[in-house]
Structure formats: C-alpha cells, structure tokens
Amino acid sequence: MNYAGAKHAPLILLVKSQCLVWLICCWIIIMPTQLKLEAPWEEVKEKLKEVNTDLTDEDLVYQPGQEQDMLNRLAKKLHRSTEAVKVWIESVSFNKGKAS
C-alpha cells in the first residue's frame, strides 16, 4: 500500500465498521423471532395459562413461523415488550412440569 492509500485507510475502516454496525442492527430488527421451546407447545400453553389466568387459548394461538404475531399480541395484552414476552415463554418452557 502506498502512502496515499495508508492515509485513507482509517477512513475506509471507519466506513466499513459503520456499515457493519448498520447491517447488524437491521438484522436484529428484522430477524424473525423464533421461540426456543424445551417442551411441546400444548404443555407450555397450559403452564402459561396457569401463571396468568387472563390468557386465553385465542391469545396463545401459535403456528411455527408465525411467532412474531403471537408475541406482538401477548405483548400488547400483557403490557410488556415482545422480547420480555419471548423470554418469559421460553423460561416457562424450560421449567419442565412447573409454572413460573
């Protein structure tokens, strides 16, 4: 690399790192939310209804690939963020046989 190229190297690295940060942020925002469940959905659903008696079967309609719809619906009903709802569902799923 000649002197002129070295002179602009920090600027090029800055632009590349800003693009990388932008791409990661966009990926996180648009990335589909996939639930990681340790128990079958029917078991998880029943445990969720034990923990929160306001939840109905209609609130907990779940179709693989459509997680975001359910998470949005529950977040609105429970006045929580979708991420908080996702973490809650996954934690209930990991507590085999126990509601949390």
Protein backbone atom coordinates (compact mmCIF):
# COMPACT_ATOMS: atom_id res chain seq x y z
CA MET A 1 0.00 0.00 0.00
CA ASN A 2 1.43 3.38 -0.91
CA TYR A 3 1.41 6.44 1.28
CA ALA A 4 -1.81 7.81 -0.21
CA GLY A 5 -3.63 4.55 0.47
CA ALA A 6 -2.34 4.43 4.04
CA LYS A 7 -3.54 7.97 4.56
CA HIS A 8 -7.13 6.96 3.77
CA ALA A 9 -7.07 3.56 5.49
CA PRO A 10 -8.56 4.80 8.81
CA LEU A 11 -11.43 6.44 6.91
CA ILE A 12 -12.12 3.24 4.95
CA LEU A 13 -12.09 1.19 8.16
CA LEU A 14 -14.49 3.65 9.80
CA VAL A 15 -16.94 3.42 6.89
CA LYS A 16 -16.69 -0.39 6.87
CA SER A 17 -17.27 -0.61 10.63
CA GLN A 18 -20.26 1.77 10.43
CA CYS A 19 -21.76 -0.34 7.64
CA LEU A 20 -21.22 -3.49 9.70
CA VAL A 21 -22.94 -1.92 12.72
CA TRP A 22 -25.82 -0.80 10.49
CA LEU A 23 -26.17 -4.28 8.99
CA ILE A 24 -26.16 -5.94 12.43
CA CYS A 25 -28.80 -3.50 13.72
CA CYS A 26 -31.01 -4.11 10.68
CA TRP A 27 -30.59 -7.88 11.03
CA ILE A 28 -31.64 -7.72 14.69
CA ILE A 29 -34.67 -5.55 13.91
CA ILE A 30 -35.98 -7.62 11.00
CA MET A 31 -34.75 -11.00 12.18
CA PRO A 32 -37.73 -13.31 12.68
CA THR A 33 -38.27 -14.21 16.30
CA GLN A 34 -38.11 -17.96 16.75
CA LEU A 35 -39.13 -19.41 20.08
CA LYS A 36 -36.77 -21.95 21.60
CA LEU A 37 -39.04 -24.34 23.46
CA GLU A 38 -37.94 -27.30 25.57
CA ALA A 39 -41.47 -28.68 25.96
CA PRO A 40 -44.30 -29.25 23.48
CA TRP A 41 -46.33 -26.10 22.81
CA GLU A 42 -49.51 -27.57 24.35
CA GLU A 43 -47.69 -28.06 27.67
CA VAL A 44 -46.17 -24.60 27.54
CA LYS A 45 -49.54 -23.07 26.71
CA GLU A 46 -51.19 -24.72 29.73
CA LYS A 47 -48.36 -23.57 32.01
CA LEU A 48 -48.70 -20.01 30.69
CA LYS A 49 -52.42 -20.06 31.46
CA GLU A 50 -51.66 -21.32 34.99
CA VAL A 51 -49.25 -18.44 35.55
CA ASN A 52 -51.52 -15.80 34.02
CA THR A 53 -55.21 -16.67 34.25
CA ASP A 54 -56.12 -13.75 31.96
CA LEU A 55 -54.62 -15.58 28.99
CA THR A 56 -56.98 -17.50 26.72
CA ASP A 57 -56.49 -20.16 24.06
CA GLU A 58 -57.10 -17.42 21.47
CA ASP A 59 -54.26 -15.34 22.95
CA LEU A 60 -51.95 -18.34 22.72
CA VAL A 61 -52.60 -19.42 19.15
CA TYR A 62 -49.18 -20.48 17.93
CA GLN A 63 -48.08 -21.57 14.49
CA PRO A 64 -44.40 -22.25 13.82
CA GLY A 65 -43.06 -19.44 11.66
CA GLN A 66 -45.74 -17.05 12.97
CA GLU A 67 -44.18 -16.46 16.39
CA GLN A 68 -43.99 -12.71 15.93
CA ASP A 69 -47.77 -12.40 15.57
CA MET A 70 -48.37 -14.20 18.85
CA LEU A 71 -45.58 -12.32 20.63
CA ASN A 72 -46.99 -8.98 19.47
CA ARG A 73 -50.50 -9.98 20.58
CA LEU A 74 -49.27 -11.09 24.02
CA ALA A 75 -47.00 -8.07 24.44
CA LYS A 76 -49.96 -5.78 23.87
CA LYS A 77 -52.22 -7.70 26.25
CA LEU A 78 -49.58 -8.04 28.98
CA HIS A 79 -48.17 -4.50 28.55
CA ARG A 80 -44.66 -5.89 28.04
CA SER A 81 -42.10 -5.78 25.23
CA THR A 82 -42.12 -8.62 22.73
CA GLU A 83 -38.62 -9.59 23.89
CA ALA A 84 -39.82 -9.79 27.52
CA VAL A 85 -42.74 -11.99 26.45
CA LYS A 86 -40.42 -14.23 24.42
CA VAL A 87 -38.05 -14.64 27.39
CA TRP A 88 -40.99 -15.39 29.70
CA ILE A 89 -42.43 -18.07 27.37
CA GLU A 90 -39.02 -19.69 26.94
CA SER A 91 -38.40 -19.69 30.71
CA VAL A 92 -41.77 -21.37 31.32
CA SER A 93 -40.86 -23.90 28.64
CA PHE A 94 -37.55 -24.71 30.39
CA ASN A 95 -39.24 -25.25 33.78
CA LYS A 96 -40.47 -28.72 32.99
CA GLY A 97 -43.59 -29.54 34.98
CA LYS A 98 -43.60 -26.25 36.91
CA ALA A 99 -45.24 -22.93 36.24
CA SER A 100 -43.03 -19.94 36.92
